[in-house]
Amino acid sequence: PAPDVFVSNYGSSSIEYTVRCWTKPEDYWETSCALN
């Protein structure tokens, strides 16, 4: 499935965005750390 980004929360001083994408289970940690 294609990656997606959306507004998930309006905070007191910022807007929170949620970024989602998919990877293979064995690549999860590498992809997650690289994305951060």
PDB file of all heavy atoms in Angstrom:
ATOM      1  N   PRO A   1       0.824  -1.212   0.000  1.00  0.00           N
ATOM      2  CA  PRO A   1       0.000   0.000   0.000  1.00  0.00           C
ATOM      3  C   PRO A   1       0.861   1.266   0.000  1.00  0.00           C
ATOM      4  O   PRO A   1       1.951   1.279   0.588  1.00  0.00           O
ATOM      5  CB  PRO A   1      -0.825  -0.114   1.280  1.00  0.00           C
ATOM      6  CG  PRO A   1      -0.750  -1.556   1.680  1.00  0.00           C
ATOM      7  CD  PRO A   1       0.587  -2.027   1.215  1.00  0.00           C
ATOM      8  N   ALA A   2       0.351   2.303  -0.629  1.00  0.00           N
ATOM      9  CA  ALA A   2       1.129   3.528  -0.770  1.00  0.00           C
ATOM     10  C   ALA A   2       1.280   4.247   0.564  1.00  0.00           C
ATOM     11  O   ALA A   2       0.379   4.193   1.405  1.00  0.00           O
ATOM     12  CB  ALA A   2       0.440   4.451  -1.779  1.00  0.00           C
ATOM     13  N   PRO A   3       2.428   4.938   0.774  1.00  0.00           N
ATOM     14  CA  PRO A   3       2.609   5.731   1.998  1.00  0.00           C
ATOM     15  C   PRO A   3       1.571   6.860   2.062  1.00  0.00           C
ATOM     16  O   PRO A   3       1.093   7.334   1.028  1.00  0.00           O
ATOM     17  CB  PRO A   3       4.026   6.290   1.853  1.00  0.00           C
ATOM     18  CG  PRO A   3       4.689   5.417   0.842  1.00  0.00           C
ATOM     19  CD  PRO A   3       3.616   4.966  -0.089  1.00  0.00           C
ATOM     20  N   ASP A   4       1.230   7.275   3.273  1.00  0.00           N
ATOM     21  CA  ASP A   4       0.301   8.387   3.418  1.00  0.00           C
ATOM     22  C   ASP A   4       0.680   9.236   4.622  1.00  0.00           C
ATOM     23  O   ASP A   4       1.362   8.781   5.543  1.00  0.00           O
ATOM     24  CB  ASP A   4      -1.144   7.911   3.531  1.00  0.00           C
ATOM     25  CG  ASP A   4      -1.369   6.990   4.730  1.00  0.00           C
ATOM     26  OD1 ASP A   4      -0.370   6.535   5.309  1.00  0.00           O
ATOM     27  OD2 ASP A   4      -2.530   6.715   5.063  1.00  0.00           O
ATOM     28  N   VAL A   5       0.252  10.505   4.589  1.00  0.00           N
ATOM     29  CA  VAL A   5       0.519  11.479   5.649  1.00  0.00           C
ATOM     30  C   VAL A   5      -0.785  12.214   5.921  1.00  0.00           C
ATOM     31  O   VAL A   5      -1.495  12.601   4.985  1.00  0.00           O
ATOM     32  CB  VAL A   5       1.616  12.494   5.236  1.00  0.00           C
ATOM     33  CG1 VAL A   5       1.906  13.446   6.395  1.00  0.00           C
ATOM     34  CG2 VAL A   5       2.874  11.769   4.803  1.00  0.00           C
ATOM     35  N   PHE A   6      -1.103  12.418   7.185  1.00  0.00           N
ATOM     36  CA  PHE A   6      -2.319  13.159   7.521  1.00  0.00           C
ATOM     37  C   PHE A   6      -2.143  13.863   8.867  1.00  0.00           C
ATOM     38  O   PHE A   6      -1.282  13.496   9.681  1.00  0.00           O
ATOM     39  CB  PHE A   6      -3.534  12.231   7.569  1.00  0.00           C
ATOM     40  CG  PHE A   6      -3.398  11.066   8.515  1.00  0.00           C
ATOM     41  CD1 PHE A   6      -3.754  11.171   9.855  1.00  0.00           C
ATOM     42  CD2 PHE A   6      -2.893   9.852   8.057  1.00  0.00           C
ATOM     43  CE1 PHE A   6      -3.622  10.097  10.707  1.00  0.00           C
ATOM     44  CE2 PHE A   6      -2.757   8.766   8.912  1.00  0.00           C
ATOM     45  CZ  PHE A   6      -3.123   8.896  10.246  1.00  0.00           C
ATOM     46  N   VAL A   7      -2.951  14.897   9.072  1.00  0.00           N
ATOM     47  CA  VAL A   7      -2.956  15.631  10.346  1.00  0.00           C
ATOM     48  C   VAL A   7      -3.697  14.784  11.370  1.00  0.00           C
ATOM     49  O   VAL A   7      -4.845  14.387  11.151  1.00  0.00           O
ATOM     50  CB  VAL A   7      -3.637  17.002  10.186  1.00  0.00           C
ATOM     51  CG1 VAL A   7      -3.744  17.695  11.540  1.00  0.00           C
ATOM     52  CG2 VAL A   7      -2.863  17.868   9.204  1.00  0.00           C
ATOM     53  N   SER A   8      -3.033  14.520  12.487  1.00  0.00           N
ATOM     54  CA  SER A   8      -3.636  13.651  13.496  1.00  0.00           C
ATOM     55  C   SER A   8      -4.015  14.371  14.780  1.00  0.00           C
ATOM     56  O   SER A   8      -4.822  13.853  15.556  1.00  0.00           O
ATOM     57  CB  SER A   8      -2.666  12.504  13.839  1.00  0.00           C
ATOM     58  OG  SER A   8      -1.393  12.995  14.198  1.00  0.00           O
ATOM     59  N   ASN A   9      -3.473  15.584  15.003  1.00  0.00           N
ATOM     60  CA  ASN A   9      -3.818  16.274  16.248  1.00  0.00           C
ATOM     61  C   ASN A   9      -3.406  17.745  16.167  1.00  0.00           C
ATOM     62  O   ASN A   9      -2.387  18.082  15.552  1.00  0.00           O
ATOM     63  CB  ASN A   9      -3.121  15.618  17.446  1.00  0.00           C
ATOM     64  CG  ASN A   9      -3.551  16.207  18.769  1.00  0.00           C
ATOM     65  OD1 ASN A   9      -4.729  16.400  19.004  1.00  0.00           O
ATOM     66  ND2 ASN A   9      -2.581  16.503  19.626  1.00  0.00           N
ATOM     67  N   TYR A  10      -4.214  18.587  16.795  1.00  0.00           N
ATOM     68  CA  TYR A  10      -3.881  20.012  16.936  1.00  0.00           C
ATOM     69  C   TYR A  10      -3.491  20.255  18.390  1.00  0.00           C
ATOM     70  O   TYR A  10      -4.332  20.181  19.293  1.00  0.00           O
ATOM     71  CB  TYR A  10      -5.068  20.892  16.548  1.00  0.00           C
ATOM     72  CG  TYR A  10      -5.375  20.889  15.070  1.00  0.00           C
ATOM     73  CD1 TYR A  10      -6.362  20.064  14.552  1.00  0.00           C
ATOM     74  CD2 TYR A  10      -4.668  21.706  14.193  1.00  0.00           C
ATOM     75  CE1 TYR A  10      -6.643  20.040  13.191  1.00  0.00           C
ATOM     76  CE2 TYR A  10      -4.943  21.694  12.831  1.00  0.00           C
ATOM     77  CZ  TYR A  10      -5.925  20.856  12.335  1.00  0.00           C
ATOM     78  OH  TYR A  10      -6.201  20.839  10.991  1.00  0.00           O
ATOM     79  N   GLY A  11      -2.201  20.499  18.608  1.00  0.00           N
ATOM     80  CA  GLY A  11      -1.716  20.735  19.957  1.00  0.00           C
ATOM     81  C   GLY A  11      -1.778  22.190  20.357  1.00  0.00           C
ATOM     82  O   GLY A  11      -2.234  23.056  19.605  1.00  0.00           O
ATOM     83  N   SER A  12      -1.290  22.486  21.549  1.00  0.00           N
ATOM     84  CA  SER A  12      -1.337  23.856  22.056  1.00  0.00           C
ATOM     85  C   SER A  12      -0.376  24.778  21.311  1.00  0.00           C
ATOM     86  O   SER A  12      -0.623  25.975  21.177  1.00  0.00           O
ATOM     87  CB  SER A  12      -0.997  23.871  23.557  1.00  0.00           C
ATOM     88  OG  SER A  12       0.283  23.290  23.782  1.00  0.00           O
ATOM     89  N   SER A  13       0.721  24.211  20.795  1.00  0.00           N
ATOM     90  CA  SER A  13       1.691  25.051  20.096  1.00  0.00           C
ATOM     91  C   SER A  13       2.189  24.436  18.793  1.00  0.00           C
ATOM     92  O   SER A  13       3.117  24.949  18.181  1.00  0.00           O
ATOM     93  CB  SER A  13       2.895  25.325  21.013  1.00  0.00           C
ATOM     94  OG  SER A  13       3.518  24.106  21.401  1.00  0.00           O
ATOM     95  N   SER A  14       1.577  23.319  18.367  1.00  0.00           N
ATOM     96  CA  SER A  14       2.035  22.656  17.143  1.00  0.00           C
ATOM     97  C   SER A  14       0.937  21.766  16.581  1.00  0.00           C
ATOM     98  O   SER A  14      -0.037  21.442  17.276  1.00  0.00           O
ATOM     99  CB  SER A  14       3.292  21.830  17.411  1.00  0.00           C
ATOM    100  OG  SER A  14       2.996  20.786  18.342  1.00  0.00           O
ATOM    101  N   ILE A  15       1.130  21.372  15.349  1.00  0.00           N
ATOM    102  CA  ILE A  15       0.228  20.421  14.692  1.00  0.00           C
ATOM    103  C   ILE A  15       0.962  19.089  14.561  1.00  0.00           C
ATOM    104  O   ILE A  15       2.115  19.042  14.134  1.00  0.00           O
ATOM    105  CB  ILE A  15      -0.195  20.924  13.300  1.00  0.00           C
ATOM    106  CG1 ILE A  15      -0.916  22.269  13.405  1.00  0.00           C
ATOM    107  CG2 ILE A  15      -1.083  19.902  12.605  1.00  0.00           C
ATOM    108  CD1 ILE A  15      -1.268  22.870  12.062  1.00  0.00           C
ATOM    109  N   GLU A  16       0.280  18.023  14.931  1.00  0.00           N
ATOM    110  CA  GLU A  16       0.888  16.690  14.840  1.00  0.00           C
ATOM    111  C   GLU A  16       0.498  16.034  13.517  1.00  0.00           C
ATOM    112  O   GLU A  16      -0.687  15.989  13.157  1.00  0.00           O
ATOM    113  CB  GLU A  16       0.440  15.811  15.997  1.00  0.00           C
ATOM    114  CG  GLU A  16       1.074  14.419  15.980  1.00  0.00           C
ATOM    115  CD  GLU A  16       0.558  13.522  17.079  1.00  0.00           C
ATOM    116  OE1 GLU A  16      -0.539  12.953  16.911  1.00  0.00           O
ATOM    117  OE2 GLU A  16       1.241  13.397  18.110  1.00  0.00           O
ATOM    118  N   TYR A  17       1.500  15.496  12.826  1.00  0.00           N
ATOM    119  CA  TYR A  17       1.282  14.771  11.570  1.00  0.00           C
ATOM    120  C   TYR A  17       1.679  13.309  11.786  1.00  0.00           C
ATOM    121  O   TYR A  17       2.669  13.008  12.472  1.00  0.00           O
ATOM    122  CB  TYR A  17       2.113  15.364  10.437  1.00  0.00           C
ATOM    123  CG  TYR A  17       1.694  16.753  10.024  1.00  0.00           C
ATOM    124  CD1 TYR A  17       2.125  17.871  10.739  1.00  0.00           C
ATOM    125  CD2 TYR A  17       0.871  16.969   8.917  1.00  0.00           C
ATOM    126  CE1 TYR A  17       1.751  19.153  10.366  1.00  0.00           C
ATOM    127  CE2 TYR A  17       0.488  18.244   8.532  1.00  0.00           C
ATOM    128  CZ  TYR A  17       0.926  19.335   9.263  1.00  0.00           C
ATOM    129  OH  TYR A  17       0.556  20.603   8.894  1.00  0.00           O
ATOM    130  N   THR A  18       0.926  12.403  11.190  1.00  0.00           N
ATOM    131  CA  THR A  18       1.227  10.967  11.253  1.00  0.00           C
ATOM    132  C   THR A  18       1.668  10.500   9.872  1.00  0.00           C
ATOM    133  O   THR A  18       0.967  10.723   8.880  1.00  0.00           O
ATOM    134  CB  THR A  18       0.006  10.163  11.712  1.00  0.00           C
ATOM    135  OG1 THR A  18      -0.365  10.575  13.034  1.00  0.00           O
ATOM    136  CG2 THR A  18       0.325   8.670  11.741  1.00  0.00           C
ATOM    137  N   VAL A  19       2.836   9.865   9.844  1.00  0.00           N
ATOM    138  CA  VAL A  19       3.408   9.362   8.596  1.00  0.00           C
ATOM    139  C   VAL A  19       3.352   7.839   8.645  1.00  0.00           C
ATOM    140  O   VAL A  19       3.832   7.222   9.603  1.00  0.00           O
ATOM    141  CB  VAL A  19       4.868   9.830   8.412  1.00  0.00           C
ATOM    142  CG1 VAL A  19       5.402   9.402   7.056  1.00  0.00           C
ATOM    143  CG2 VAL A  19       4.974  11.327   8.603  1.00  0.00           C
ATOM    144  N   ARG A  20       2.777   7.232   7.607  1.00  0.00           N
ATOM    145  CA  ARG A  20       2.641   5.776   7.586  1.00  0.00           C
ATOM    146  C   ARG A  20       3.150   5.207   6.264  1.00  0.00           C
ATOM    147  O   ARG A  20       2.895   5.770   5.195  1.00  0.00           O
ATOM    148  CB  ARG A  20       1.176   5.369   7.779  1.00  0.00           C
ATOM    149  CG  ARG A  20       0.546   5.886   9.059  1.00  0.00           C
ATOM    150  CD  ARG A  20      -0.829   5.303   9.289  1.00  0.00           C
ATOM    151  NE  ARG A  20      -1.737   5.474   8.174  1.00  0.00           N
ATOM    152  CZ  ARG A  20      -3.031   5.128   8.191  1.00  0.00           C
ATOM    153  NH1 ARG A  20      -3.537   4.585   9.287  1.00  0.00           N
ATOM    154  NH2 ARG A  20      -3.795   5.323   7.132  1.00  0.00           N
ATOM    155  N   CYS A  21       3.857   4.108   6.362  1.00  0.00           N
ATOM    156  CA  CYS A  21       4.293   3.372   5.175  1.00  0.00           C
ATOM    157  C   CYS A  21       4.449   1.913   5.553  1.00  0.00           C
ATOM    158  O   CYS A  21       4.380   1.555   6.730  1.00  0.00           O
ATOM    159  CB  CYS A  21       5.611   3.950   4.634  1.00  0.00           C
ATOM    160  SG  CYS A  21       7.017   3.825   5.773  1.00  0.00           S
ATOM    161  N   TRP A  22       4.657   1.065   4.555  1.00  0.00           N
ATOM    162  CA  TRP A  22       4.744  -0.378   4.782  1.00  0.00           C
ATOM    163  C   TRP A  22       6.110  -0.903   4.351  1.00  0.00           C
ATOM    164  O   TRP A  22       6.718  -0.391   3.420  1.00  0.00           O
ATOM    165  CB  TRP A  22       3.656  -1.110   4.002  1.00  0.00           C
ATOM    166  CG  TRP A  22       2.272  -0.815   4.495  1.00  0.00           C
ATOM    167  CD1 TRP A  22       1.482   0.238   4.134  1.00  0.00           C
ATOM    168  CD2 TRP A  22       1.516  -1.577   5.426  1.00  0.00           C
ATOM    169  NE1 TRP A  22       0.277   0.176   4.790  1.00  0.00           N
ATOM    170  CE2 TRP A  22       0.265  -0.936   5.584  1.00  0.00           C
ATOM    171  CE3 TRP A  22       1.761  -2.755   6.147  1.00  0.00           C
ATOM    172  CZ2 TRP A  22      -0.722  -1.419   6.437  1.00  0.00           C
ATOM    173  CZ3 TRP A  22       0.770  -3.245   6.982  1.00  0.00           C
ATOM    174  CH2 TRP A  22      -0.456  -2.574   7.125  1.00  0.00           C
ATOM    175  N   THR A  23       6.540  -1.944   5.050  1.00  0.00           N
ATOM    176  CA  THR A  23       7.799  -2.611   4.712  1.00  0.00           C
ATOM    177  C   THR A  23       7.687  -4.084   5.078  1.00  0.00           C
ATOM    178  O   THR A  23       6.707  -4.502   5.714  1.00  0.00           O
ATOM    179  CB  THR A  23       8.975  -1.964   5.463  1.00  0.00           C
ATOM    180  OG1 THR A  23      10.210  -2.533   5.009  1.00  0.00           O
ATOM    181  CG2 THR A  23       8.862  -2.179   6.966  1.00  0.00           C
ATOM    182  N   LYS A  24       8.664  -4.877   4.694  1.00  0.00           N
ATOM    183  CA  LYS A  24       8.676  -6.281   5.083  1.00  0.00           C
ATOM    184  C   LYS A  24       9.019  -6.391   6.573  1.00  0.00           C
ATOM    185  O   LYS A  24       9.741  -5.556   7.108  1.00  0.00           O
ATOM    186  CB  LYS A  24       9.701  -7.055   4.252  1.00  0.00           C
ATOM    187  CG  LYS A  24       9.344  -7.146   2.773  1.00  0.00           C
ATOM    188  CD  LYS A  24      10.391  -7.948   2.013  1.00  0.00           C
ATOM    189  CE  LYS A  24      10.013  -8.051   0.538  1.00  0.00           C
ATOM    190  NZ  LYS A  24      11.021  -8.819  -0.228  1.00  0.00           N
ATOM    191  N   PRO A  25       8.507  -7.426   7.256  1.00  0.00           N
ATOM    192  CA  PRO A  25       8.748  -7.547   8.697  1.00  0.00           C
ATOM    193  C   PRO A  25      10.227  -7.535   9.072  1.00  0.00           C
ATOM    194  O   PRO A  25      10.613  -6.926  10.071  1.00  0.00           O
ATOM    195  CB  PRO A  25       8.098  -8.894   9.049  1.00  0.00           C
ATOM    196  CG  PRO A  25       7.037  -9.070   8.023  1.00  0.00           C
ATOM    197  CD  PRO A  25       7.593  -8.474   6.753  1.00  0.00           C
ATOM    198  N   GLU A  26      11.057  -8.182   8.259  1.00  0.00           N
ATOM    199  CA  GLU A  26      12.487  -8.234   8.600  1.00  0.00           C
ATOM    200  C   GLU A  26      13.187  -6.890   8.403  1.00  0.00           C
ATOM    201  O   GLU A  26      14.303  -6.688   8.902  1.00  0.00           O
ATOM    202  CB  GLU A  26      13.186  -9.314   7.777  1.00  0.00           C
ATOM    203  CG  GLU A  26      13.124  -9.125   6.265  1.00  0.00           C
ATOM    204  CD  GLU A  26      11.935  -9.802   5.627  1.00  0.00           C
ATOM    205  OE1 GLU A  26      10.938 -10.063   6.350  1.00  0.00           O
ATOM    206  OE2 GLU A  26      11.989 -10.074   4.410  1.00  0.00           O
ATOM    207  N   ASP A  27      12.571  -5.958   7.657  1.00  0.00           N
ATOM    208  CA  ASP A  27      13.170  -4.644   7.408  1.00  0.00           C
ATOM    209  C   ASP A  27      12.576  -3.551   8.291  1.00  0.00           C
ATOM    210  O   ASP A  27      12.887  -2.373   8.112  1.00  0.00           O
ATOM    211  CB  ASP A  27      12.978  -4.243   5.935  1.00  0.00           C
ATOM    212  CG  ASP A  27      13.643  -5.226   4.986  1.00  0.00           C
ATOM    213  OD1 ASP A  27      14.698  -5.767   5.351  1.00  0.00           O
ATOM    214  OD2 ASP A  27      13.091  -5.458   3.882  1.00  0.00           O
ATOM    215  N   TYR A  28      11.712  -3.933   9.231  1.00  0.00           N
ATOM    216  CA  TYR A  28      10.940  -2.932   9.987  1.00  0.00           C
ATOM    217  C   TYR A  28      11.832  -1.937  10.726  1.00  0.00           C
ATOM    218  O   TYR A  28      11.676  -0.716  10.592  1.00  0.00           O
ATOM    219  CB  TYR A  28      10.011  -3.640  10.977  1.00  0.00           C
ATOM    220  CG  TYR A  28       9.289  -2.674  11.901  1.00  0.00           C
ATOM    221  CD1 TYR A  28       8.164  -1.991  11.475  1.00  0.00           C
ATOM    222  CD2 TYR A  28       9.762  -2.438  13.194  1.00  0.00           C
ATOM    223  CE1 TYR A  28       7.502  -1.100  12.307  1.00  0.00           C
ATOM    224  CE2 TYR A  28       9.107  -1.557  14.039  1.00  0.00           C
ATOM    225  CZ  TYR A  28       7.982  -0.891  13.590  1.00  0.00           C
ATOM    226  OH  TYR A  28       7.345  -0.010  14.427  1.00  0.00           O
ATOM    227  N   TRP A  29      12.781  -2.438  11.509  1.00  0.00           N
ATOM    228  CA  TRP A  29      13.571  -1.537  12.358  1.00  0.00           C
ATOM    229  C   TRP A  29      14.470  -0.629  11.519  1.00  0.00           C
ATOM    230  O   TRP A  29      14.616   0.557  11.821  1.00  0.00           O
ATOM    231  CB  TRP A  29      14.405  -2.349  13.351  1.00  0.00           C
ATOM    232  CG  TRP A  29      13.559  -2.997  14.407  1.00  0.00           C
ATOM    233  CD1 TRP A  29      13.285  -4.320  14.552  1.00  0.00           C
ATOM    234  CD2 TRP A  29      12.832  -2.334  15.438  1.00  0.00           C
ATOM    235  NE1 TRP A  29      12.437  -4.536  15.599  1.00  0.00           N
ATOM    236  CE2 TRP A  29      12.152  -3.328  16.182  1.00  0.00           C
ATOM    237  CE3 TRP A  29      12.701  -1.004  15.822  1.00  0.00           C
ATOM    238  CZ2 TRP A  29      11.343  -3.023  17.283  1.00  0.00           C
ATOM    239  CZ3 TRP A  29      11.891  -0.696  16.922  1.00  0.00           C
ATOM    240  CH2 TRP A  29      11.230  -1.697  17.634  1.00  0.00           C
ATOM    241  N   GLU A  30      15.056  -1.158  10.467  1.00  0.00           N
ATOM    242  CA  GLU A  30      15.915  -0.336   9.603  1.00  0.00           C
ATOM    243  C   GLU A  30      15.099   0.782   8.953  1.00  0.00           C
ATOM    244  O   GLU A  30      15.530   1.948   8.920  1.00  0.00           O
ATOM    245  CB  GLU A  30      16.567  -1.211   8.533  1.00  0.00           C
ATOM    246  CG  GLU A  30      17.493  -0.430   7.592  1.00  0.00           C
ATOM    247  CD  GLU A  30      18.070  -1.294   6.488  1.00  0.00           C
ATOM    248  OE1 GLU A  30      17.697  -2.490   6.407  1.00  0.00           O
ATOM    249  OE2 GLU A  30      18.879  -0.768   5.688  1.00  0.00           O
ATOM    250  N   THR A  31      13.932   0.450   8.455  1.00  0.00           N
ATOM    251  CA  THR A  31      13.085   1.451   7.800  1.00  0.00           C
ATOM    252  C   THR A  31      12.580   2.483   8.795  1.00  0.00           C
ATOM    253  O   THR A  31      12.574   3.691   8.508  1.00  0.00           O
ATOM    254  CB  THR A  31      11.890   0.763   7.112  1.00  0.00           C
ATOM    255  OG1 THR A  31      12.379  -0.214   6.189  1.00  0.00           O
ATOM    256  CG2 THR A  31      11.033   1.768   6.378  1.00  0.00           C
ATOM    257  N   SER A  32      12.158   2.018   9.971  1.00  0.00           N
ATOM    258  CA  SER A  32      11.627   2.941  10.984  1.00  0.00           C
ATOM    259  C   SER A  32      12.688   3.935  11.444  1.00  0.00           C
ATOM    260  O   SER A  32      12.434   5.149  11.534  1.00  0.00           O
ATOM    261  CB  SER A  32      11.098   2.139  12.180  1.00  0.00           C
ATOM    262  OG  SER A  32      10.619   2.994  13.188  1.00  0.00           O
ATOM    263  N   CYS A  33      13.877   3.444  11.730  1.00  0.00           N
ATOM    264  CA  CYS A  33      14.955   4.340  12.192  1.00  0.00           C
ATOM    265  C   CYS A  33      15.370   5.326  11.095  1.00  0.00           C
ATOM    266  O   CYS A  33      15.593   6.513  11.360  1.00  0.00           O
ATOM    267  CB  CYS A  33      16.152   3.512  12.644  1.00  0.00           C
ATOM    268  SG  CYS A  33      15.851   2.511  14.122  1.00  0.00           S
ATOM    269  N   ALA A  34      15.464   4.831   9.851  1.00  0.00           N
ATOM    270  CA  ALA A  34      15.851   5.696   8.744  1.00  0.00           C
ATOM    271  C   ALA A  34      14.803   6.785   8.512  1.00  0.00           C
ATOM    272  O   ALA A  34      15.145   7.947   8.245  1.00  0.00           O
ATOM    273  CB  ALA A  34      16.056   4.879   7.479  1.00  0.00           C
ATOM    274  N   LEU A  35      13.530   6.434   8.620  1.00  0.00           N
ATOM    275  CA  LEU A  35      12.469   7.419   8.421  1.00  0.00           C
ATOM    276  C   LEU A  35      12.529   8.504   9.489  1.00  0.00           C
ATOM    277  O   LEU A  35      12.379   9.698   9.186  1.00  0.00           O
ATOM    278  CB  LEU A  35      11.111   6.723   8.446  1.00  0.00           C
ATOM    279  CG  LEU A  35       9.886   7.632   8.286  1.00  0.00           C
ATOM    280  CD1 LEU A  35       9.974   8.435   6.996  1.00  0.00           C
ATOM    281  CD2 LEU A  35       8.601   6.806   8.322  1.00  0.00           C
ATOM    282  N   ASN A  36      12.753   8.123  10.722  1.00  0.00           N
ATOM    283  CA  ASN A  36      12.867   9.120  11.798  1.00  0.00           C
ATOM    284  C   ASN A  36      14.027  10.085  11.538  1.00  0.00           C
ATOM    285  O   ASN A  36      13.912  11.293  11.779  1.00  0.00           O
ATOM    286  CB  ASN A  36      13.062   8.422  13.148  1.00  0.00           C
ATOM    287  CG  ASN A  36      11.747   8.027  13.794  1.00  0.00           C
ATOM    288  OD1 ASN A  36      10.820   8.831  13.856  1.00  0.00           O
ATOM    289  ND2 ASN A  36      11.660   6.798  14.258  1.00  0.00           N
TER     290      ASN A  36
END
